[in-house]
Amino acid sequence: MALKELDRVVFTRDAPDVGVAQGDVGVVVHVYPDDAAYEVEVFTLTGETLAVATAKAGDLRPVARTDVVSARAAG
């Protein structure tokens, strides 16, 4: 999977160390060489940054046309 900067992605696993849960949506802000990993920024629905997480390709998937946004309280 070749993600690019500014692609919207969905986390496929929890990243509790940074407060990210499976299903959270983020934006790729940096792609490491050879797509080894990605920096992904996750926002609240009001636009505040919740986390910036380093994720491997297997921890993410591209947003699909049929995905529905849901809400959960951060914390």
PDB file of N, CA and C in Angstrom:
ATOM      1  N   MET A   1       0.868  -1.161   0.000  1.00  0.00           N
ATOM      2  CA  MET A   1       0.000   0.000   0.000  1.00  0.00           C
ATOM      3  C   MET A   1       0.916   1.224   0.000  1.00  0.00           C
ATOM      4  N   ALA A   2       0.772   2.054  -0.985  1.00  0.00           N
ATOM      5  CA  ALA A   2       1.590   3.260  -1.069  1.00  0.00           C
ATOM      6  C   ALA A   2       0.745   4.466  -0.680  1.00  0.00           C
ATOM      7  N   LEU A   3       0.912   4.905   0.557  1.00  0.00           N
ATOM      8  CA  LEU A   3       0.203   6.092   1.017  1.00  0.00           C
ATOM      9  C   LEU A   3       1.046   7.317   0.700  1.00  0.00           C
ATOM     10  N   LYS A   4       0.366   8.453   0.536  1.00  0.00           N
ATOM     11  CA  LYS A   4       1.041   9.708   0.253  1.00  0.00           C
ATOM     12  C   LYS A   4       0.717  10.712   1.351  1.00  0.00           C
ATOM     13  N   GLU A   5       1.533  11.742   1.457  1.00  0.00           N
ATOM     14  CA  GLU A   5       1.229  12.811   2.393  1.00  0.00           C
ATOM     15  C   GLU A   5      -0.138  13.396   2.070  1.00  0.00           C
ATOM     16  N   LEU A   6      -0.900  13.688   3.108  1.00  0.00           N
ATOM     17  CA  LEU A   6      -2.255  14.241   3.087  1.00  0.00           C
ATOM     18  C   LEU A   6      -3.341  13.213   2.788  1.00  0.00           C
ATOM     19  N   ASP A   7      -2.965  11.927   2.617  1.00  0.00           N
ATOM     20  CA  ASP A   7      -3.988  10.879   2.488  1.00  0.00           C
ATOM     21  C   ASP A   7      -4.691  10.703   3.832  1.00  0.00           C
ATOM     22  N   ARG A   8      -5.998  10.503   3.787  1.00  0.00           N
ATOM     23  CA  ARG A   8      -6.738  10.144   4.999  1.00  0.00           C
ATOM     24  C   ARG A   8      -6.635   8.639   5.187  1.00  0.00           C
ATOM     25  N   VAL A   9      -6.407   8.228   6.430  1.00  0.00           N
ATOM     26  CA  VAL A   9      -6.219   6.813   6.744  1.00  0.00           C
ATOM     27  C   VAL A   9      -7.000   6.447   8.001  1.00  0.00           C
ATOM     28  N   VAL A  10      -7.217   5.149   8.155  1.00  0.00           N
ATOM     29  CA  VAL A  10      -7.894   4.604   9.329  1.00  0.00           C
ATOM     30  C   VAL A  10      -6.911   3.682  10.045  1.00  0.00           C
ATOM     31  N   PHE A  11      -6.813   3.828  11.361  1.00  0.00           N
ATOM     32  CA  PHE A  11      -5.961   2.936  12.146  1.00  0.00           C
ATOM     33  C   PHE A  11      -6.632   1.572  12.256  1.00  0.00           C
ATOM     34  N   THR A  12      -5.871   0.519  12.003  1.00  0.00           N
ATOM     35  CA  THR A  12      -6.388  -0.845  12.102  1.00  0.00           C
ATOM     36  C   THR A  12      -6.061  -1.481  13.444  1.00  0.00           C
ATOM     37  N   ARG A  13      -5.272  -0.770  14.277  1.00  0.00           N
ATOM     38  CA  ARG A  13      -4.905  -1.243  15.612  1.00  0.00           C
ATOM     39  C   ARG A  13      -4.902  -0.068  16.578  1.00  0.00           C
ATOM     40  N   ASP A  14      -5.069  -0.362  17.846  1.00  0.00           N
ATOM     41  CA  ASP A  14      -4.932   0.658  18.876  1.00  0.00           C
ATOM     42  C   ASP A  14      -3.468   1.080  18.995  1.00  0.00           C
ATOM     43  N   ALA A  15      -3.274   2.344  19.352  1.00  0.00           N
ATOM     44  CA  ALA A  15      -1.951   2.855  19.717  1.00  0.00           C
ATOM     45  C   ALA A  15      -2.134   3.590  21.042  1.00  0.00           C
ATOM     46  N   PRO A  16      -2.324   2.827  22.139  1.00  0.00           N
ATOM     47  CA  PRO A  16      -2.680   3.433  23.420  1.00  0.00           C
ATOM     48  C   PRO A  16      -1.624   4.394  23.965  1.00  0.00           C
ATOM     49  N   ASP A  17      -0.375   4.221  23.566  1.00  0.00           N
ATOM     50  CA  ASP A  17       0.681   5.111  24.053  1.00  0.00           C
ATOM     51  C   ASP A  17       0.481   6.555  23.597  1.00  0.00           C
ATOM     52  N   VAL A  18      -0.288   6.767  22.522  1.00  0.00           N
ATOM     53  CA  VAL A  18      -0.563   8.126  22.038  1.00  0.00           C
ATOM     54  C   VAL A  18      -2.051   8.447  22.019  1.00  0.00           C
ATOM     55  N   GLY A  19      -2.878   7.546  22.556  1.00  0.00           N
ATOM     56  CA  GLY A  19      -4.307   7.813  22.660  1.00  0.00           C
ATOM     57  C   GLY A  19      -5.113   7.559  21.406  1.00  0.00           C
ATOM     58  N   VAL A  20      -4.595   6.727  20.513  1.00  0.00           N
ATOM     59  CA  VAL A  20      -5.285   6.414  19.262  1.00  0.00           C
ATOM     60  C   VAL A  20      -5.922   5.042  19.368  1.00  0.00           C
ATOM     61  N   ALA A  21      -7.155   4.923  18.892  1.00  0.00           N
ATOM     62  CA  ALA A  21      -7.883   3.654  18.925  1.00  0.00           C
ATOM     63  C   ALA A  21      -8.128   3.138  17.514  1.00  0.00           C
ATOM     64  N   GLN A  22      -8.259   1.834  17.422  1.00  0.00           N
ATOM     65  CA  GLN A  22      -8.613   1.218  16.145  1.00  0.00           C
ATOM     66  C   GLN A  22      -9.864   1.916  15.608  1.00  0.00           C
ATOM     67  N   GLY A  23      -9.847   2.269  14.337  1.00  0.00           N
ATOM     68  CA  GLY A  23     -10.975   2.951  13.722  1.00  0.00           C
ATOM     69  C   GLY A  23     -10.832   4.459  13.676  1.00  0.00           C
ATOM     70  N   ASP A  24      -9.879   5.014  14.440  1.00  0.00           N
ATOM     71  CA  ASP A  24      -9.656   6.461  14.378  1.00  0.00           C
ATOM     72  C   ASP A  24      -9.133   6.838  12.994  1.00  0.00           C
ATOM     73  N   VAL A  25      -9.514   8.026  12.562  1.00  0.00           N
ATOM     74  CA  VAL A  25      -9.123   8.531  11.251  1.00  0.00           C
ATOM     75  C   VAL A  25      -8.046   9.587  11.438  1.00  0.00           C
ATOM     76  N   GLY A  26      -7.052   9.565  10.571  1.00  0.00           N
ATOM     77  CA  GLY A  26      -5.990  10.562  10.620  1.00  0.00           C
ATOM     78  C   GLY A  26      -5.553  10.954   9.226  1.00  0.00           C
ATOM     79  N   VAL A  27      -4.576  11.847   9.182  1.00  0.00           N
ATOM     80  CA  VAL A  27      -4.017  12.329   7.928  1.00  0.00           C
ATOM     81  C   VAL A  27      -2.517  12.067   7.940  1.00  0.00           C
ATOM     82  N   VAL A  28      -2.003  11.491   6.858  1.00  0.00           N
ATOM     83  CA  VAL A  28      -0.570  11.238   6.743  1.00  0.00           C
ATOM     84  C   VAL A  28       0.139  12.587   6.585  1.00  0.00           C
ATOM     85  N   VAL A  29       1.076  12.865   7.494  1.00  0.00           N
ATOM     86  CA  VAL A  29       1.824  14.121   7.427  1.00  0.00           C
ATOM     87  C   VAL A  29       3.280  13.916   7.038  1.00  0.00           C
ATOM     88  N   HIS A  30       3.737  12.661   7.047  1.00  0.00           N
ATOM     89  CA  HIS A  30       5.098  12.359   6.613  1.00  0.00           C
ATOM     90  C   HIS A  30       5.179  10.891   6.217  1.00  0.00           C
ATOM     91  N   VAL A  31       5.897  10.638   5.122  1.00  0.00           N
ATOM     92  CA  VAL A  31       6.140   9.266   4.664  1.00  0.00           C
ATOM     93  C   VAL A  31       7.633   8.995   4.798  1.00  0.00           C
ATOM     94  N   TYR A  32       7.993   7.949   5.538  1.00  0.00           N
ATOM     95  CA  TYR A  32       9.391   7.579   5.696  1.00  0.00           C
ATOM     96  C   TYR A  32       9.869   6.838   4.448  1.00  0.00           C
ATOM     97  N   PRO A  33      11.195   6.821   4.218  1.00  0.00           N
ATOM     98  CA  PRO A  33      11.734   6.145   3.029  1.00  0.00           C
ATOM     99  C   PRO A  33      11.222   4.713   2.890  1.00  0.00           C
ATOM    100  N   ASP A  34      10.988   4.333   1.660  1.00  0.00           N
ATOM    101  CA  ASP A  34      10.520   2.986   1.309  1.00  0.00           C
ATOM    102  C   ASP A  34       9.177   2.649   1.949  1.00  0.00           C
ATOM    103  N   ASP A  35       8.385   3.677   2.315  1.00  0.00           N
ATOM    104  CA  ASP A  35       7.075   3.463   2.939  1.00  0.00           C
ATOM    105  C   ASP A  35       7.169   2.566   4.174  1.00  0.00           C
ATOM    106  N   ALA A  36       8.316   2.629   4.876  1.00  0.00           N
ATOM    107  CA  ALA A  36       8.530   1.793   6.058  1.00  0.00           C
ATOM    108  C   ALA A  36       7.601   2.180   7.198  1.00  0.00           C
ATOM    109  N   ALA A  37       7.263   3.461   7.272  1.00  0.00           N
ATOM    110  CA  ALA A  37       6.378   3.952   8.327  1.00  0.00           C
ATOM    111  C   ALA A  37       5.826   5.308   7.903  1.00  0.00           C
ATOM    112  N   TYR A  38       4.832   5.744   8.671  1.00  0.00           N
ATOM    113  CA  TYR A  38       4.157   7.005   8.366  1.00  0.00           C
ATOM    114  C   TYR A  38       3.941   7.778   9.657  1.00  0.00           C
ATOM    115  N   GLU A  39       4.020   9.105   9.580  1.00  0.00           N
ATOM    116  CA  GLU A  39       3.585   9.958  10.676  1.00  0.00           C
ATOM    117  C   GLU A  39       2.154  10.351  10.341  1.00  0.00           C
ATOM    118  N   VAL A  40       1.258  10.126  11.289  1.00  0.00           N
ATOM    119  CA  VAL A  40      -0.164  10.385  11.062  1.00  0.00           C
ATOM    120  C   VAL A  40      -0.675  11.292  12.166  1.00  0.00           C
ATOM    121  N   GLU A  41      -1.337  12.382  11.769  1.00  0.00           N
ATOM    122  CA  GLU A  41      -1.938  13.289  12.732  1.00  0.00           C
ATOM    123  C   GLU A  41      -3.414  12.951  12.859  1.00  0.00           C
ATOM    124  N   VAL A  42      -3.861  12.841  14.108  1.00  0.00           N
ATOM    125  CA  VAL A  42      -5.259  12.517  14.414  1.00  0.00           C
ATOM    126  C   VAL A  42      -5.868  13.735  15.098  1.00  0.00           C
ATOM    127  N   PHE A  43      -7.049  14.125  14.643  1.00  0.00           N
ATOM    128  CA  PHE A  43      -7.720  15.317  15.144  1.00  0.00           C
ATOM    129  C   PHE A  43      -9.022  14.961  15.847  1.00  0.00           C
ATOM    130  N   THR A  44      -9.440  15.848  16.770  1.00  0.00           N
ATOM    131  CA  THR A  44     -10.798  15.755  17.300  1.00  0.00           C
ATOM    132  C   THR A  44     -11.738  16.337  16.245  1.00  0.00           C
ATOM    133  N   LEU A  45     -13.031  16.165  16.430  1.00  0.00           N
ATOM    134  CA  LEU A  45     -13.986  16.700  15.458  1.00  0.00           C
ATOM    135  C   LEU A  45     -14.032  18.226  15.456  1.00  0.00           C
ATOM    136  N   THR A  46     -13.473  18.856  16.480  1.00  0.00           N
ATOM    137  CA  THR A  46     -13.410  20.319  16.495  1.00  0.00           C
ATOM    138  C   THR A  46     -12.090  20.846  15.927  1.00  0.00           C
ATOM    139  N   GLY A  47     -11.236  19.952  15.432  1.00  0.00           N
ATOM    140  CA  GLY A  47     -10.020  20.345  14.750  1.00  0.00           C
ATOM    141  C   GLY A  47      -8.777  20.430  15.604  1.00  0.00           C
ATOM    142  N   GLU A  48      -8.854  20.033  16.865  1.00  0.00           N
ATOM    143  CA  GLU A  48      -7.674  20.027  17.720  1.00  0.00           C
ATOM    144  C   GLU A  48      -6.877  18.743  17.499  1.00  0.00           C
ATOM    145  N   THR A  49      -5.559  18.866  17.521  1.00  0.00           N
ATOM    146  CA  THR A  49      -4.722  17.683  17.355  1.00  0.00           C
ATOM    147  C   THR A  49      -4.823  16.808  18.598  1.00  0.00           C
ATOM    148  N   LEU A  50      -5.194  15.552  18.398  1.00  0.00           N
ATOM    149  CA  LEU A  50      -5.236  14.574  19.487  1.00  0.00           C
ATOM    150  C   LEU A  50      -3.875  13.908  19.633  1.00  0.00           C
ATOM    151  N   ALA A  51      -3.281  13.544  18.501  1.00  0.00           N
ATOM    152  CA  ALA A  51      -2.008  12.824  18.538  1.00  0.00           C
ATOM    153  C   ALA A  51      -1.310  12.912  17.195  1.00  0.00           C
ATOM    154  N   VAL A  52      -0.007  12.752  17.241  1.00  0.00           N
ATOM    155  CA  VAL A  52       0.792  12.498  16.051  1.00  0.00           C
ATOM    156  C   VAL A  52       1.476  11.172  16.311  1.00  0.00           C
ATOM    157  N   ALA A  53       1.129  10.185  15.515  1.00  0.00           N
ATOM    158  CA  ALA A  53       1.589   8.819  15.761  1.00  0.00           C
ATOM    159  C   ALA A  53       2.444   8.325  14.609  1.00  0.00           C
ATOM    160  N   THR A  54       3.481   7.571  14.943  1.00  0.00           N
ATOM    161  CA  THR A  54       4.253   6.856  13.940  1.00  0.00           C
ATOM    162  C   THR A  54       3.623   5.488  13.782  1.00  0.00           C
ATOM    163  N   ALA A  55       3.265   5.144  12.558  1.00  0.00           N
ATOM    164  CA  ALA A  55       2.566   3.882  12.314  1.00  0.00           C
ATOM    165  C   ALA A  55       3.197   3.146  11.136  1.00  0.00           C
ATOM    166  N   LYS A  56       3.265   1.837  11.263  1.00  0.00           N
ATOM    167  CA  LYS A  56       3.708   1.002  10.155  1.00  0.00           C
ATOM    168  C   LYS A  56       2.557   0.840   9.170  1.00  0.00           C
ATOM    169  N   ALA A  57       2.871   0.460   7.960  1.00  0.00           N
ATOM    170  CA  ALA A  57       1.844   0.299   6.928  1.00  0.00           C
ATOM    171  C   ALA A  57       0.740  -0.652   7.369  1.00  0.00           C
ATOM    172  N   GLY A  58       1.085  -1.706   8.094  1.00  0.00           N
ATOM    173  CA  GLY A  58       0.095  -2.680   8.541  1.00  0.00           C
ATOM    174  C   GLY A  58      -0.845  -2.166   9.613  1.00  0.00           C
ATOM    175  N   ASP A  59      -0.526  -1.000  10.170  1.00  0.00           N
ATOM    176  CA  ASP A  59      -1.373  -0.404  11.203  1.00  0.00           C
ATOM    177  C   ASP A  59      -2.397   0.565  10.625  1.00  0.00           C
ATOM    178  N   LEU A  60      -2.360   0.746   9.312  1.00  0.00           N
ATOM    179  CA  LEU A  60      -3.217   1.725   8.647  1.00  0.00           C
ATOM    180  C   LEU A  60      -3.880   1.124   7.426  1.00  0.00           C
ATOM    181  N   ARG A  61      -4.977   1.747   7.036  1.00  0.00           N
ATOM    182  CA  ARG A  61      -5.572   1.437   5.734  1.00  0.00           C
ATOM    183  C   ARG A  61      -6.128   2.734   5.174  1.00  0.00           C
ATOM    184  N   PRO A  62      -6.210   2.824   3.862  1.00  0.00           N
ATOM    185  CA  PRO A  62      -6.783   4.029   3.277  1.00  0.00           C
ATOM    186  C   PRO A  62      -8.264   4.155   3.649  1.00  0.00           C
ATOM    187  N   VAL A  63      -8.750   5.369   3.693  1.00  0.00           N
ATOM    188  CA  VAL A  63     -10.179   5.598   3.913  1.00  0.00           C
ATOM    189  C   VAL A  63     -10.934   5.055   2.699  1.00  0.00           C
ATOM    190  N   ALA A  64     -12.006   4.329   2.955  1.00  0.00           N
ATOM    191  CA  ALA A  64     -12.823   3.764   1.877  1.00  0.00           C
ATOM    192  C   ALA A  64     -14.049   4.639   1.617  1.00  0.00           C
ATOM    193  N   ARG A  65     -14.548   4.582   0.437  1.00  0.00           N
ATOM    194  CA  ARG A  65     -15.719   5.352   0.033  1.00  0.00           C
ATOM    195  C   ARG A  65     -16.916   5.060   0.914  1.00  0.00           C
ATOM    196  N   THR A  66     -16.988   3.876   1.476  1.00  0.00           N
ATOM    197  CA  THR A  66     -18.152   3.464   2.291  1.00  0.00           C
ATOM    198  C   THR A  66     -17.954   3.665   3.779  1.00  0.00           C
ATOM    199  N   ASP A  67     -16.803   4.202   4.199  1.00  0.00           N
ATOM    200  CA  ASP A  67     -16.549   4.432   5.634  1.00  0.00           C
ATOM    201  C   ASP A  67     -17.477   5.517   6.162  1.00  0.00           C
ATOM    202  N   VAL A  68     -17.901   5.339   7.425  1.00  0.00           N
ATOM    203  CA  VAL A  68     -18.749   6.296   8.120  1.00  0.00           C
ATOM    204  C   VAL A  68     -17.966   6.807   9.320  1.00  0.00           C
ATOM    205  N   VAL A  69     -17.974   8.117   9.536  1.00  0.00           N
ATOM    206  CA  VAL A  69     -17.286   8.705  10.698  1.00  0.00           C
ATOM    207  C   VAL A  69     -18.134   8.482  11.927  1.00  0.00           C
ATOM    208  N   SER A  70     -17.495   8.124  13.025  1.00  0.00           N
ATOM    209  CA  SER A  70     -18.150   7.920  14.309  1.00  0.00           C
ATOM    210  C   SER A  70     -17.463   8.826  15.320  1.00  0.00           C
ATOM    211  N   ALA A  71     -17.996   8.916  16.514  1.00  0.00           N
ATOM    212  CA  ALA A  71     -17.378   9.761  17.535  1.00  0.00           C
ATOM    213  C   ALA A  71     -17.148   8.982  18.809  1.00  0.00           C
ATOM    214  N   ARG A  72     -16.024   9.262  19.476  1.00  0.00           N
ATOM    215  CA  ARG A  72     -15.712   8.715  20.790  1.00  0.00           C
ATOM    216  C   ARG A  72     -14.996   9.824  21.544  1.00  0.00           C
ATOM    217  N   ALA A  73     -15.101   9.810  22.827  1.00  0.00           N
ATOM    218  CA  ALA A  73     -14.394  10.802  23.635  1.00  0.00           C
ATOM    219  C   ALA A  73     -12.941  10.379  23.798  1.00  0.00           C
ATOM    220  N   ALA A  74     -12.040  11.303  23.571  1.00  0.00           N
ATOM    221  CA  ALA A  74     -10.603  11.013  23.737  1.00  0.00           C
ATOM    222  C   ALA A  74     -10.295  10.945  25.230  1.00  0.00           C
ATOM    223  N   GLY A  75      -9.367  10.105  25.537  1.00  0.00           N
ATOM    224  CA  GLY A  75      -8.956  10.071  26.928  1.00  0.00           C
ATOM    225  C   GLY A  75      -8.740   8.735  27.387  1.00  0.00           C
TER     226      GLY A  75
END
